[in-house]
Amino acid sequence: MKYLVPVLIALLVSVSTSVMASSNDSKQVVMLLWRGVTDAERGFMDYLSSQMDVKYTLLDAKRDKETLNQHIAQIERYESDLIYTFGTTTTLSLLGTEDKPSDFRVNSNTPVVFSIVTDPVGSKIVSSTTESTRNFTGVSHIVPHKVQFNAIQKLPNIQTMGIVFNPLENNAVITARKIQMLSAKFGMDVYLYPLRTKNSKPDLASLDAVIDTMLEDKVQLAYLPPDSYIISQGEAIIESLHQQGIATFSATESPIRKHNALFGIVSRYYNVGEFAGHKAEQILTNKQIPQEVPIEPLSQYSYIVNIGAARTLDYYPPVSILKISELIGGNEWQE
C-alpha cells in the first residue's frame, strides 16, 4: 500500500499536465464585425472549429464607426492568436492603408485574416495581392466586374443601368466607379445615384428622389453594389425600385435571397468564410506565415435568379441564364 500513494500522485500529475497541455493548445480568435454575425462568420467558425480547438471573442461594431474604433483601441488586450475582420470598413480601420498604415499594422505581431473585402487593392489595403511584407491575408468576395457585365448584357431590353449606393462606404464608391468605367466597353449607359447623407450617415428618405431621377434617366436596371448599408436596407430599397418597374441586379447574395432582388452572380458568404477559415488554419498551425498565404477571391461563382421578383416585375432573364442559375421563389414559378 505504501507504493500506491506515489503511483496515484504520479497519475494525477500526468492527467493534470495533459489537461493543461490540451488547454494551452486552444487558439484564441477575436472576430471584429461590422453588422453582426453573417454567413461568412458561420462558415469561418464552422471550418476552423472542425480543424482545431478555438475560442472566439466577437466584437460587433453594429455599423457604428465610433464603436468600431473603441473595439480596435482595446483589441490587443485580448492577447489573441489571430484576428478576423469582416468587410472593407473594419479591415481598413484596423490595418489602415499601405501608404497610411495604422499603429496596429506597424506594431502588432497578431496575424489578421479578413473576409468580404470587395477590392483589397482598390481600397489600398495592399498595393497588390502578391505583396510580400504583411502580417495579414484574406478573401475577396466579389465576382469580377467583367463577368457581371457579360451576364447583364444577356438580359433583354437593358441599355441603361443605375448604381444606388452609400457614398460614405469606401468599397461601394470604388465599385460604382469601376462599373461606370467599364460601361463604354460593354455599350451600356451607367449612371451613379448616391443616397444623400444627413448627420454623416446615409439618409434613406432620399431614396424617393433618387428613384425619380432614375426614372427621368430611363434606367431599366438598378445595380446594388457590395454596400453594407444598401444590404441592410435592402427590403425597402428593392421594393421601391420594383414598384417603379426597375429591375435589380445584386453583387451580393443577401439582397436576392432575403429581399427579392431579381438576379445576381455572387460568391456565397458561407463559402467565403470557409475559405478565410482555411487561411486562418494555415497560420494557426504554423504551416505558413501570413505573407505566404495569398490574398484571393473564390474561383467559383453562383448565379441566382429570384423567380418571385421576376413574376412581380413581369420580366424574366433568358433561358441561357435560367438554366445555369439557382432559382429561388419557385412556388410562384409553378403556379
C-alpha atoms as a PDB file:
ATOM      1  CA  MET A   1       0.000   0.000   0.000  1.00  0.00           C
ATOM      2  CA  LYS A   2       2.878   2.366   0.700  1.00  0.00           C
ATOM      3  CA  TYR A   3       3.732   2.367  -3.031  1.00  0.00           C
ATOM      4  CA  LEU A   4       0.153   3.191  -4.053  1.00  0.00           C
ATOM      5  CA  VAL A   5       0.204   6.850  -2.996  1.00  0.00           C
ATOM      6  CA  PRO A   6       3.247   7.815  -5.121  1.00  0.00           C
ATOM      7  CA  VAL A   7       1.721   5.995  -8.080  1.00  0.00           C
ATOM      8  CA  LEU A   8      -1.589   7.856  -7.661  1.00  0.00           C
ATOM      9  CA  ILE A   9       0.251  11.162  -7.339  1.00  0.00           C
ATOM     10  CA  ALA A  10       2.209  10.396 -10.494  1.00  0.00           C
ATOM     11  CA  LEU A  11      -1.000   9.573 -12.351  1.00  0.00           C
ATOM     12  CA  LEU A  12      -2.691  12.768 -11.145  1.00  0.00           C
ATOM     13  CA  VAL A  13       0.291  14.850 -12.221  1.00  0.00           C
ATOM     14  CA  SER A  14       0.212  13.156 -15.616  1.00  0.00           C
ATOM     15  CA  VAL A  15      -3.533  13.812 -16.072  1.00  0.00           C
ATOM     16  CA  SER A  16      -3.162  17.404 -14.882  1.00  0.00           C
ATOM     17  CA  THR A  17      -0.300  18.020 -17.300  1.00  0.00           C
ATOM     18  CA  SER A  18      -2.341  16.528 -20.148  1.00  0.00           C
ATOM     19  CA  VAL A  19      -5.331  18.791 -19.360  1.00  0.00           C
ATOM     20  CA  MET A  20      -3.074  21.840 -19.186  1.00  0.00           C
ATOM     21  CA  ALA A  21      -1.480  20.941 -22.498  1.00  0.00           C
ATOM     22  CA  SER A  22      -4.896  20.499 -24.065  1.00  0.00           C
ATOM     23  CA  SER A  23      -5.971  23.880 -22.690  1.00  0.00           C
ATOM     24  CA  ASN A  24      -2.795  25.503 -23.983  1.00  0.00           C
ATOM     25  CA  ASP A  25      -3.450  24.079 -27.451  1.00  0.00           C
ATOM     26  CA  SER A  26      -6.717  26.007 -27.670  1.00  0.00           C
ATOM     27  CA  LYS A  27      -6.480  29.002 -30.008  1.00  0.00           C
ATOM     28  CA  GLN A  28      -7.945  32.408 -29.253  1.00  0.00           C
ATOM     29  CA  VAL A  29      -9.537  34.237 -32.183  1.00  0.00           C
ATOM     30  CA  VAL A  30     -11.021  37.731 -31.970  1.00  0.00           C
ATOM     31  CA  MET A  31     -13.643  38.479 -34.610  1.00  0.00           C
ATOM     32  CA  LEU A  32     -14.064  42.153 -35.471  1.00  0.00           C
ATOM     33  CA  LEU A  33     -17.521  42.526 -37.033  1.00  0.00           C
ATOM     34  CA  TRP A  34     -19.374  45.384 -38.701  1.00  0.00           C
ATOM     35  CA  ARG A  35     -23.001  44.173 -38.742  1.00  0.00           C
ATOM     36  CA  GLY A  36     -23.242  41.138 -36.523  1.00  0.00           C
ATOM     37  CA  VAL A  37     -22.725  37.506 -37.422  1.00  0.00           C
ATOM     38  CA  THR A  38     -23.313  36.796 -41.112  1.00  0.00           C
ATOM     39  CA  ASP A  39     -22.994  33.570 -43.084  1.00  0.00           C
ATOM     40  CA  ALA A  40     -19.336  34.494 -43.623  1.00  0.00           C
ATOM     41  CA  GLU A  41     -18.636  34.204 -39.882  1.00  0.00           C
ATOM     42  CA  ARG A  42     -20.649  30.986 -39.666  1.00  0.00           C
ATOM     43  CA  GLY A  43     -18.571  29.487 -42.470  1.00  0.00           C
ATOM     44  CA  PHE A  44     -15.337  30.694 -40.865  1.00  0.00           C
ATOM     45  CA  MET A  45     -16.141  29.294 -37.423  1.00  0.00           C
ATOM     46  CA  ASP A  46     -17.583  26.030 -38.735  1.00  0.00           C
ATOM     47  CA  TYR A  47     -14.478  25.336 -40.790  1.00  0.00           C
ATOM     48  CA  LEU A  48     -11.886  26.416 -38.215  1.00  0.00           C
ATOM     49  CA  SER A  49     -13.605  24.616 -35.327  1.00  0.00           C
ATOM     50  CA  SER A  50     -13.617  21.422 -37.377  1.00  0.00           C
ATOM     51  CA  GLN A  51      -9.827  21.630 -37.581  1.00  0.00           C
ATOM     52  CA  MET A  52      -8.819  22.683 -34.060  1.00  0.00           C
ATOM     53  CA  ASP A  53      -9.980  23.797 -30.620  1.00  0.00           C
ATOM     54  CA  VAL A  54     -10.839  27.502 -30.921  1.00  0.00           C
ATOM     55  CA  LYS A  55     -12.323  30.049 -28.556  1.00  0.00           C
ATOM     56  CA  TYR A  56     -13.950  33.059 -30.229  1.00  0.00           C
ATOM     57  CA  THR A  57     -14.445  36.596 -28.954  1.00  0.00           C
ATOM     58  CA  LEU A  58     -16.938  38.553 -31.053  1.00  0.00           C
ATOM     59  CA  LEU A  59     -16.643  42.349 -31.173  1.00  0.00           C
ATOM     60  CA  ASP A  60     -19.606  43.799 -33.078  1.00  0.00           C
ATOM     61  CA  ALA A  61     -19.473  47.452 -34.159  1.00  0.00           C
ATOM     62  CA  LYS A  62     -23.184  47.385 -35.084  1.00  0.00           C
ATOM     63  CA  ARG A  63     -22.451  49.580 -38.107  1.00  0.00           C
ATOM     64  CA  ASP A  64     -21.126  52.373 -35.896  1.00  0.00           C
ATOM     65  CA  LYS A  65     -17.618  53.703 -36.529  1.00  0.00           C
ATOM     66  CA  GLU A  66     -17.169  55.071 -33.021  1.00  0.00           C
ATOM     67  CA  THR A  67     -17.953  51.649 -31.557  1.00  0.00           C
ATOM     68  CA  LEU A  68     -15.602  50.078 -34.088  1.00  0.00           C
ATOM     69  CA  ASN A  69     -12.770  52.406 -33.054  1.00  0.00           C
ATOM     70  CA  GLN A  70     -13.377  51.562 -29.390  1.00  0.00           C
ATOM     71  CA  HIS A  71     -13.082  47.851 -30.154  1.00  0.00           C
ATOM     72  CA  ILE A  72      -9.851  48.425 -32.081  1.00  0.00           C
ATOM     73  CA  ALA A  73      -8.363  50.525 -29.273  1.00  0.00           C
ATOM     74  CA  GLN A  74      -8.779  47.570 -26.895  1.00  0.00           C
ATOM     75  CA  ILE A  75      -8.189  44.665 -29.277  1.00  0.00           C
ATOM     76  CA  GLU A  76      -4.644  43.856 -28.118  1.00  0.00           C
ATOM     77  CA  ARG A  77      -5.894  43.277 -24.568  1.00  0.00           C
ATOM     78  CA  TYR A  78      -7.437  40.002 -25.672  1.00  0.00           C
ATOM     79  CA  GLU A  79      -3.988  38.558 -26.462  1.00  0.00           C
ATOM     80  CA  SER A  80      -5.483  36.562 -29.323  1.00  0.00           C
ATOM     81  CA  ASP A  81      -3.641  34.213 -31.650  1.00  0.00           C
ATOM     82  CA  LEU A  82      -5.411  35.681 -34.668  1.00  0.00           C
ATOM     83  CA  ILE A  83      -7.864  38.448 -35.563  1.00  0.00           C
ATOM     84  CA  TYR A  84     -10.635  38.017 -38.130  1.00  0.00           C
ATOM     85  CA  THR A  85     -12.172  41.099 -39.764  1.00  0.00           C
ATOM     86  CA  PHE A  86     -15.385  41.384 -41.762  1.00  0.00           C
ATOM     87  CA  GLY A  87     -15.599  43.812 -44.642  1.00  0.00           C
ATOM     88  CA  THR A  88     -13.646  46.711 -46.036  1.00  0.00           C
ATOM     89  CA  THR A  89     -14.618  49.217 -43.335  1.00  0.00           C
ATOM     90  CA  THR A  90     -13.414  47.113 -40.387  1.00  0.00           C
ATOM     91  CA  THR A  91     -10.298  45.925 -42.205  1.00  0.00           C
ATOM     92  CA  LEU A  92      -9.262  49.441 -43.203  1.00  0.00           C
ATOM     93  CA  SER A  93      -9.978  50.725 -39.703  1.00  0.00           C
ATOM     94  CA  LEU A  94      -7.757  48.046 -38.161  1.00  0.00           C
ATOM     95  CA  LEU A  95      -4.926  47.971 -40.720  1.00  0.00           C
ATOM     96  CA  GLY A  96      -5.041  51.332 -42.449  1.00  0.00           C
ATOM     97  CA  THR A  97      -3.743  51.580 -46.000  1.00  0.00           C
ATOM     98  CA  GLU A  98      -0.354  50.690 -47.352  1.00  0.00           C
ATOM     99  CA  ASP A  99       0.684  54.348 -47.562  1.00  0.00           C
ATOM    100  CA  LYS A 100      -1.042  55.279 -44.272  1.00  0.00           C
ATOM    101  CA  PRO A 101      -0.705  52.193 -42.058  1.00  0.00           C
ATOM    102  CA  SER A 102      -2.395  52.071 -38.669  1.00  0.00           C
ATOM    103  CA  ASP A 103      -0.464  51.746 -35.405  1.00  0.00           C
ATOM    104  CA  PHE A 104      -1.738  48.180 -35.195  1.00  0.00           C
ATOM    105  CA  ARG A 105      -0.366  47.329 -38.640  1.00  0.00           C
ATOM    106  CA  VAL A 106       3.040  48.768 -37.771  1.00  0.00           C
ATOM    107  CA  ASN A 107       3.425  47.499 -34.208  1.00  0.00           C
ATOM    108  CA  SER A 108       1.308  44.384 -33.665  1.00  0.00           C
ATOM    109  CA  ASN A 109       2.523  40.809 -34.101  1.00  0.00           C
ATOM    110  CA  THR A 110      -1.007  39.370 -34.168  1.00  0.00           C
ATOM    111  CA  PRO A 111      -1.883  37.998 -37.636  1.00  0.00           C
ATOM    112  CA  VAL A 112      -5.106  39.073 -39.339  1.00  0.00           C
ATOM    113  CA  VAL A 113      -7.394  37.277 -41.786  1.00  0.00           C
ATOM    114  CA  PHE A 114     -10.082  39.361 -43.490  1.00  0.00           C
ATOM    115  CA  SER A 115     -13.144  38.271 -45.435  1.00  0.00           C
ATOM    116  CA  ILE A 116     -15.832  40.023 -47.508  1.00  0.00           C
ATOM    117  CA  VAL A 117     -13.439  42.732 -48.689  1.00  0.00           C
ATOM    118  CA  THR A 118     -14.565  43.935 -52.099  1.00  0.00           C
ATOM    119  CA  ASP A 119     -11.285  45.166 -53.543  1.00  0.00           C
ATOM    120  CA  PRO A 120      -8.152  44.905 -51.366  1.00  0.00           C
ATOM    121  CA  VAL A 121      -6.056  46.712 -53.988  1.00  0.00           C
ATOM    122  CA  GLY A 122      -8.625  49.361 -54.915  1.00  0.00           C
ATOM    123  CA  SER A 123      -9.183  50.204 -51.243  1.00  0.00           C
ATOM    124  CA  LYS A 124      -5.374  50.422 -50.813  1.00  0.00           C
ATOM    125  CA  ILE A 125      -5.170  47.786 -48.104  1.00  0.00           C
ATOM    126  CA  VAL A 126      -2.393  46.391 -50.301  1.00  0.00           C
ATOM    127  CA  SER A 127      -0.741  47.644 -53.472  1.00  0.00           C
ATOM    128  CA  SER A 128      -1.067  44.169 -54.992  1.00  0.00           C
ATOM    129  CA  THR A 129      -2.407  40.833 -53.805  1.00  0.00           C
ATOM    130  CA  THR A 130       1.091  39.365 -54.067  1.00  0.00           C
ATOM    131  CA  GLU A 131       2.685  41.900 -51.695  1.00  0.00           C
ATOM    132  CA  SER A 132       5.184  40.035 -49.501  1.00  0.00           C
ATOM    133  CA  THR A 133       5.704  42.206 -46.412  1.00  0.00           C
ATOM    134  CA  ARG A 134       2.449  41.844 -44.484  1.00  0.00           C
ATOM    135  CA  ASN A 135       1.126  40.149 -41.375  1.00  0.00           C
ATOM    136  CA  PHE A 136      -2.329  39.551 -42.829  1.00  0.00           C
ATOM    137  CA  THR A 137      -4.159  37.794 -45.621  1.00  0.00           C
ATOM    138  CA  GLY A 138      -7.757  37.342 -46.664  1.00  0.00           C
ATOM    139  CA  VAL A 139     -10.518  36.624 -49.146  1.00  0.00           C
ATOM    140  CA  SER A 140     -12.293  38.924 -51.582  1.00  0.00           C
ATOM    141  CA  HIS A 141     -15.900  38.039 -52.367  1.00  0.00           C
ATOM    142  CA  ILE A 142     -16.798  39.978 -55.495  1.00  0.00           C
ATOM    143  CA  VAL A 143     -17.222  38.334 -58.875  1.00  0.00           C
ATOM    144  CA  PRO A 144     -15.087  40.149 -61.492  1.00  0.00           C
ATOM    145  CA  HIS A 145     -16.979  43.097 -62.945  1.00  0.00           C
ATOM    146  CA  LYS A 146     -16.467  41.869 -66.494  1.00  0.00           C
ATOM    147  CA  VAL A 147     -18.201  38.601 -65.605  1.00  0.00           C
ATOM    148  CA  GLN A 148     -21.101  40.572 -64.127  1.00  0.00           C
ATOM    149  CA  PHE A 149     -21.352  42.787 -67.212  1.00  0.00           C
ATOM    150  CA  ASN A 150     -21.354  39.782 -69.532  1.00  0.00           C
ATOM    151  CA  ALA A 151     -24.372  38.387 -67.670  1.00  0.00           C
ATOM    152  CA  ILE A 152     -26.173  41.738 -67.554  1.00  0.00           C
ATOM    153  CA  GLN A 153     -25.724  42.108 -71.315  1.00  0.00           C
ATOM    154  CA  LYS A 154     -27.755  38.924 -71.784  1.00  0.00           C
ATOM    155  CA  LEU A 155     -30.786  40.453 -70.067  1.00  0.00           C
ATOM    156  CA  PRO A 156     -33.403  41.627 -72.576  1.00  0.00           C
ATOM    157  CA  ASN A 157     -34.025  45.350 -73.151  1.00  0.00           C
ATOM    158  CA  ILE A 158     -31.368  46.691 -70.783  1.00  0.00           C
ATOM    159  CA  GLN A 159     -29.481  49.654 -72.196  1.00  0.00           C
ATOM    160  CA  THR A 160     -29.292  51.897 -69.121  1.00  0.00           C
ATOM    161  CA  MET A 161     -28.189  50.887 -65.637  1.00  0.00           C
ATOM    162  CA  GLY A 162     -28.110  52.903 -62.431  1.00  0.00           C
ATOM    163  CA  ILE A 163     -25.970  52.192 -59.351  1.00  0.00           C
ATOM    164  CA  VAL A 164     -27.585  53.004 -55.996  1.00  0.00           C
ATOM    165  CA  PHE A 165     -25.011  53.288 -53.213  1.00  0.00           C
ATOM    166  CA  ASN A 166     -23.943  54.811 -49.923  1.00  0.00           C
ATOM    167  CA  PRO A 167     -21.316  57.496 -50.702  1.00  0.00           C
ATOM    168  CA  LEU A 168     -19.808  57.072 -47.234  1.00  0.00           C
ATOM    169  CA  GLU A 169     -18.824  53.444 -47.846  1.00  0.00           C
ATOM    170  CA  ASN A 170     -15.411  53.188 -49.485  1.00  0.00           C
ATOM    171  CA  ASN A 171     -15.887  49.860 -51.239  1.00  0.00           C
ATOM    172  CA  ALA A 172     -19.262  50.918 -52.659  1.00  0.00           C
ATOM    173  CA  VAL A 173     -17.745  54.070 -54.163  1.00  0.00           C
ATOM    174  CA  ILE A 174     -14.849  52.088 -55.680  1.00  0.00           C
ATOM    175  CA  THR A 175     -17.242  49.548 -57.194  1.00  0.00           C
ATOM    176  CA  ALA A 176     -19.541  52.223 -58.623  1.00  0.00           C
ATOM    177  CA  ARG A 177     -16.650  53.992 -60.329  1.00  0.00           C
ATOM    178  CA  LYS A 178     -15.173  50.779 -61.747  1.00  0.00           C
ATOM    179  CA  ILE A 179     -18.528  49.663 -63.149  1.00  0.00           C
ATOM    180  CA  GLN A 180     -19.044  53.059 -64.765  1.00  0.00           C
ATOM    181  CA  MET A 181     -15.548  52.964 -66.289  1.00  0.00           C
ATOM    182  CA  LEU A 182     -16.355  49.618 -67.924  1.00  0.00           C
ATOM    183  CA  SER A 183     -19.696  50.765 -69.312  1.00  0.00           C
ATOM    184  CA  ALA A 184     -18.386  52.109 -72.635  1.00  0.00           C
ATOM    185  CA  LYS A 185     -16.644  48.818 -73.393  1.00  0.00           C
ATOM    186  CA  PHE A 186     -19.930  46.961 -72.952  1.00  0.00           C
ATOM    187  CA  GLY A 187     -22.049  49.527 -74.807  1.00  0.00           C
ATOM    188  CA  MET A 188     -24.231  50.432 -71.841  1.00  0.00           C
ATOM    189  CA  ASP A 189     -25.079  53.735 -70.180  1.00  0.00           C
ATOM    190  CA  VAL A 190     -24.319  53.647 -66.448  1.00  0.00           C
ATOM    191  CA  TYR A 191     -25.307  56.429 -64.052  1.00  0.00           C
ATOM    192  CA  LEU A 192     -24.367  56.813 -60.383  1.00  0.00           C
ATOM    193  CA  TYR A 193     -27.035  57.527 -57.749  1.00  0.00           C
ATOM    194  CA  PRO A 194     -25.534  58.107 -54.306  1.00  0.00           C
ATOM    195  CA  LEU A 195     -28.008  58.460 -51.467  1.00  0.00           C
ATOM    196  CA  ARG A 196     -27.929  61.818 -49.749  1.00  0.00           C
ATOM    197  CA  THR A 197     -26.299  61.966 -46.335  1.00  0.00           C
ATOM    198  CA  LYS A 198     -27.528  63.513 -43.111  1.00  0.00           C
ATOM    199  CA  ASN A 199     -25.519  63.892 -39.906  1.00  0.00           C
ATOM    200  CA  SER A 200     -22.684  61.908 -41.503  1.00  0.00           C
ATOM    201  CA  LYS A 201     -24.979  58.959 -42.249  1.00  0.00           C
ATOM    202  CA  PRO A 202     -26.837  57.867 -45.386  1.00  0.00           C
ATOM    203  CA  ASP A 203     -30.404  59.157 -45.499  1.00  0.00           C
ATOM    204  CA  LEU A 204     -32.901  56.561 -46.704  1.00  0.00           C
ATOM    205  CA  ALA A 205     -35.511  59.308 -47.017  1.00  0.00           C
ATOM    206  CA  SER A 206     -33.623  60.475 -50.114  1.00  0.00           C
ATOM    207  CA  LEU A 207     -34.448  57.215 -51.922  1.00  0.00           C
ATOM    208  CA  ASP A 208     -37.677  58.532 -53.472  1.00  0.00           C
ATOM    209  CA  ALA A 209     -35.825  61.454 -55.057  1.00  0.00           C
ATOM    210  CA  VAL A 210     -33.123  59.069 -56.302  1.00  0.00           C
ATOM    211  CA  ILE A 211     -35.708  56.803 -57.942  1.00  0.00           C
ATOM    212  CA  ASP A 212     -37.471  59.790 -59.518  1.00  0.00           C
ATOM    213  CA  THR A 213     -34.161  60.790 -61.106  1.00  0.00           C
ATOM    214  CA  MET A 214     -33.586  57.220 -62.275  1.00  0.00           C
ATOM    215  CA  LEU A 215     -36.993  57.226 -63.985  1.00  0.00           C
ATOM    216  CA  GLU A 216     -36.171  60.530 -65.693  1.00  0.00           C
ATOM    217  CA  ASP A 217     -32.920  58.964 -66.920  1.00  0.00           C
ATOM    218  CA  LYS A 218     -34.874  55.936 -68.201  1.00  0.00           C
ATOM    219  CA  VAL A 219     -32.909  53.489 -66.050  1.00  0.00           C
ATOM    220  CA  GLN A 220     -34.069  49.918 -66.638  1.00  0.00           C
ATOM    221  CA  LEU A 221     -31.821  48.068 -64.179  1.00  0.00           C
ATOM    222  CA  ALA A 222     -30.558  49.067 -60.723  1.00  0.00           C
ATOM    223  CA  TYR A 223     -27.164  47.655 -59.711  1.00  0.00           C
ATOM    224  CA  LEU A 224     -26.811  47.029 -55.969  1.00  0.00           C
ATOM    225  CA  PRO A 225     -23.093  47.043 -55.032  1.00  0.00           C
ATOM    226  CA  PRO A 226     -21.399  45.297 -52.088  1.00  0.00           C
ATOM    227  CA  ASP A 227     -22.537  48.025 -49.740  1.00  0.00           C
ATOM    228  CA  SER A 228     -23.379  47.190 -46.112  1.00  0.00           C
ATOM    229  CA  TYR A 229     -25.952  49.975 -45.849  1.00  0.00           C
ATOM    230  CA  ILE A 230     -27.719  49.037 -49.088  1.00  0.00           C
ATOM    231  CA  ILE A 231     -27.720  45.389 -47.970  1.00  0.00           C
ATOM    232  CA  SER A 232     -29.136  46.243 -44.531  1.00  0.00           C
ATOM    233  CA  GLN A 233     -31.885  48.402 -46.073  1.00  0.00           C
ATOM    234  CA  GLY A 234     -32.427  46.053 -48.995  1.00  0.00           C
ATOM    235  CA  GLU A 235     -36.097  45.326 -48.389  1.00  0.00           C
ATOM    236  CA  ALA A 236     -37.212  48.976 -48.603  1.00  0.00           C
ATOM    237  CA  ILE A 237     -34.841  49.826 -51.460  1.00  0.00           C
ATOM    238  CA  ILE A 238     -35.671  46.837 -53.659  1.00  0.00           C
ATOM    239  CA  GLU A 239     -39.410  47.065 -53.072  1.00  0.00           C
ATOM    240  CA  SER A 240     -39.377  50.756 -54.030  1.00  0.00           C
ATOM    241  CA  LEU A 241     -37.382  50.065 -57.193  1.00  0.00           C
ATOM    242  CA  HIS A 242     -39.606  47.162 -58.243  1.00  0.00           C
ATOM    243  CA  GLN A 243     -42.764  49.215 -57.645  1.00  0.00           C
ATOM    244  CA  GLN A 244     -41.478  51.598 -60.317  1.00  0.00           C
ATOM    245  CA  GLY A 245     -40.672  48.756 -62.706  1.00  0.00           C
ATOM    246  CA  ILE A 246     -36.899  48.998 -62.265  1.00  0.00           C
ATOM    247  CA  ALA A 247     -35.323  45.526 -62.155  1.00  0.00           C
ATOM    248  CA  THR A 248     -32.448  44.804 -59.760  1.00  0.00           C
ATOM    249  CA  PHE A 249     -29.058  43.105 -60.083  1.00  0.00           C
ATOM    250  CA  SER A 250     -27.150  42.413 -56.865  1.00  0.00           C
ATOM    251  CA  ALA A 251     -23.404  41.905 -56.482  1.00  0.00           C
ATOM    252  CA  THR A 252     -24.003  40.074 -53.183  1.00  0.00           C
ATOM    253  CA  GLU A 253     -26.150  37.144 -52.131  1.00  0.00           C
ATOM    254  CA  SER A 254     -28.309  38.504 -49.311  1.00  0.00           C
ATOM    255  CA  PRO A 255     -30.437  41.013 -51.287  1.00  0.00           C
ATOM    256  CA  ILE A 256     -31.504  38.248 -53.687  1.00  0.00           C
ATOM    257  CA  ARG A 257     -32.341  35.677 -51.017  1.00  0.00           C
ATOM    258  CA  LYS A 258     -33.746  37.931 -48.304  1.00  0.00           C
ATOM    259  CA  HIS A 259     -35.079  40.986 -50.118  1.00  0.00           C
ATOM    260  CA  ASN A 260     -36.151  39.666 -53.533  1.00  0.00           C
ATOM    261  CA  ALA A 261     -33.635  41.322 -55.818  1.00  0.00           C
ATOM    262  CA  LEU A 262     -34.082  39.819 -59.284  1.00  0.00           C
ATOM    263  CA  PHE A 263     -30.681  38.460 -60.259  1.00  0.00           C
ATOM    264  CA  GLY A 264     -27.024  38.287 -59.338  1.00  0.00           C
ATOM    265  CA  ILE A 265     -23.727  36.452 -59.736  1.00  0.00           C
ATOM    266  CA  VAL A 266     -22.218  36.039 -56.309  1.00  0.00           C
ATOM    267  CA  SER A 267     -19.668  34.358 -54.119  1.00  0.00           C
ATOM    268  CA  ARG A 268     -21.626  32.800 -51.275  1.00  0.00           C
ATOM    269  CA  TYR A 269     -20.783  34.366 -47.921  1.00  0.00           C
ATOM    270  CA  TYR A 270     -20.589  30.976 -46.219  1.00  0.00           C
ATOM    271  CA  ASN A 271     -18.049  29.714 -48.758  1.00  0.00           C
ATOM    272  CA  VAL A 272     -16.003  32.918 -48.428  1.00  0.00           C
ATOM    273  CA  GLY A 273     -15.956  32.386 -44.665  1.00  0.00           C
ATOM    274  CA  GLU A 274     -14.851  28.773 -45.059  1.00  0.00           C
ATOM    275  CA  PHE A 275     -12.015  29.863 -47.347  1.00  0.00           C
ATOM    276  CA  ALA A 276     -10.943  32.504 -44.812  1.00  0.00           C
ATOM    277  CA  GLY A 277     -11.075  29.780 -42.144  1.00  0.00           C
ATOM    278  CA  HIS A 278      -8.733  27.646 -44.229  1.00  0.00           C
ATOM    279  CA  LYS A 279      -6.274  30.533 -44.432  1.00  0.00           C
ATOM    280  CA  ALA A 280      -6.519  31.030 -40.661  1.00  0.00           C
ATOM    281  CA  GLU A 281      -5.809  27.330 -40.150  1.00  0.00           C
ATOM    282  CA  GLN A 282      -2.618  27.581 -42.210  1.00  0.00           C
ATOM    283  CA  ILE A 283      -1.410  30.392 -39.966  1.00  0.00           C
ATOM    284  CA  LEU A 284      -2.510  28.972 -36.616  1.00  0.00           C
ATOM    285  CA  THR A 285      -0.890  25.589 -37.297  1.00  0.00           C
ATOM    286  CA  ASN A 286       2.331  27.324 -38.391  1.00  0.00           C
ATOM    287  CA  LYS A 287       2.148  25.748 -41.826  1.00  0.00           C
ATOM    288  CA  GLN A 288       2.564  29.201 -43.410  1.00  0.00           C
ATOM    289  CA  ILE A 289       3.193  32.750 -42.297  1.00  0.00           C
ATOM    290  CA  PRO A 290       0.566  35.327 -43.368  1.00  0.00           C
ATOM    291  CA  GLN A 291       2.657  36.893 -46.125  1.00  0.00           C
ATOM    292  CA  GLU A 292       2.943  33.454 -47.766  1.00  0.00           C
ATOM    293  CA  VAL A 293      -0.845  32.928 -47.749  1.00  0.00           C
ATOM    294  CA  PRO A 294      -2.286  34.523 -50.904  1.00  0.00           C
ATOM    295  CA  ILE A 295      -4.973  37.196 -50.847  1.00  0.00           C
ATOM    296  CA  GLU A 296      -7.510  35.964 -53.373  1.00  0.00           C
ATOM    297  CA  PRO A 297     -11.186  35.589 -54.317  1.00  0.00           C
ATOM    298  CA  LEU A 298     -13.144  32.381 -54.674  1.00  0.00           C
ATOM    299  CA  SER A 299     -12.715  30.737 -58.055  1.00  0.00           C
ATOM    300  CA  GLN A 300     -16.340  29.594 -58.413  1.00  0.00           C
ATOM    301  CA  TYR A 301     -19.442  31.768 -58.580  1.00  0.00           C
ATOM    302  CA  SER A 302     -23.175  31.196 -58.204  1.00  0.00           C
ATOM    303  CA  TYR A 303     -25.884  32.554 -60.490  1.00  0.00           C
ATOM    304  CA  ILE A 304     -29.117  33.193 -58.569  1.00  0.00           C
ATOM    305  CA  VAL A 305     -32.466  34.271 -60.041  1.00  0.00           C
ATOM    306  CA  ASN A 306     -35.407  35.193 -57.822  1.00  0.00           C
ATOM    307  CA  ILE A 307     -38.438  33.933 -59.742  1.00  0.00           C
ATOM    308  CA  GLY A 308     -40.789  35.692 -57.314  1.00  0.00           C
ATOM    309  CA  ALA A 309     -39.195  39.014 -58.270  1.00  0.00           C
ATOM    310  CA  ALA A 310     -39.406  38.105 -61.959  1.00  0.00           C
ATOM    311  CA  ARG A 311     -43.116  37.441 -61.543  1.00  0.00           C
ATOM    312  CA  THR A 312     -43.631  40.768 -59.751  1.00  0.00           C
ATOM    313  CA  LEU A 313     -41.777  42.671 -62.466  1.00  0.00           C
ATOM    314  CA  ASP A 314     -43.146  40.535 -65.314  1.00  0.00           C
ATOM    315  CA  TYR A 315     -39.560  40.416 -66.514  1.00  0.00           C
ATOM    316  CA  TYR A 316     -37.601  37.191 -66.930  1.00  0.00           C
ATOM    317  CA  PRO A 317     -33.925  36.521 -67.637  1.00  0.00           C
ATOM    318  CA  PRO A 318     -33.345  34.458 -70.787  1.00  0.00           C
ATOM    319  CA  VAL A 319     -33.259  30.674 -70.735  1.00  0.00           C
ATOM    320  CA  SER A 320     -29.474  30.749 -71.180  1.00  0.00           C
ATOM    321  CA  ILE A 321     -29.240  32.337 -67.705  1.00  0.00           C
ATOM    322  CA  LEU A 322     -32.096  30.425 -66.088  1.00  0.00           C
ATOM    323  CA  LYS A 323     -30.638  27.018 -66.921  1.00  0.00           C
ATOM    324  CA  ILE A 324     -27.331  27.765 -65.154  1.00  0.00           C
ATOM    325  CA  SER A 325     -28.870  29.573 -62.174  1.00  0.00           C
ATOM    326  CA  GLU A 326     -30.221  28.569 -58.800  1.00  0.00           C
ATOM    327  CA  LEU A 327     -33.893  29.518 -58.983  1.00  0.00           C
ATOM    328  CA  ILE A 328     -35.480  30.704 -55.733  1.00  0.00           C
ATOM    329  CA  GLY A 329     -39.075  31.719 -55.102  1.00  0.00           C
ATOM    330  CA  GLY A 330     -40.005  28.594 -57.064  1.00  0.00           C
ATOM    331  CA  ASN A 331     -43.582  28.300 -55.793  1.00  0.00           C
ATOM    332  CA  GLU A 332     -44.603  31.297 -57.877  1.00  0.00           C
ATOM    333  CA  TRP A 333     -42.888  29.721 -60.896  1.00  0.00           C
ATOM    334  CA  GLN A 334     -45.135  26.665 -60.678  1.00  0.00           C
ATOM    335  CA  GLU A 335     -48.464  28.397 -60.146  1.00  0.00           C
END
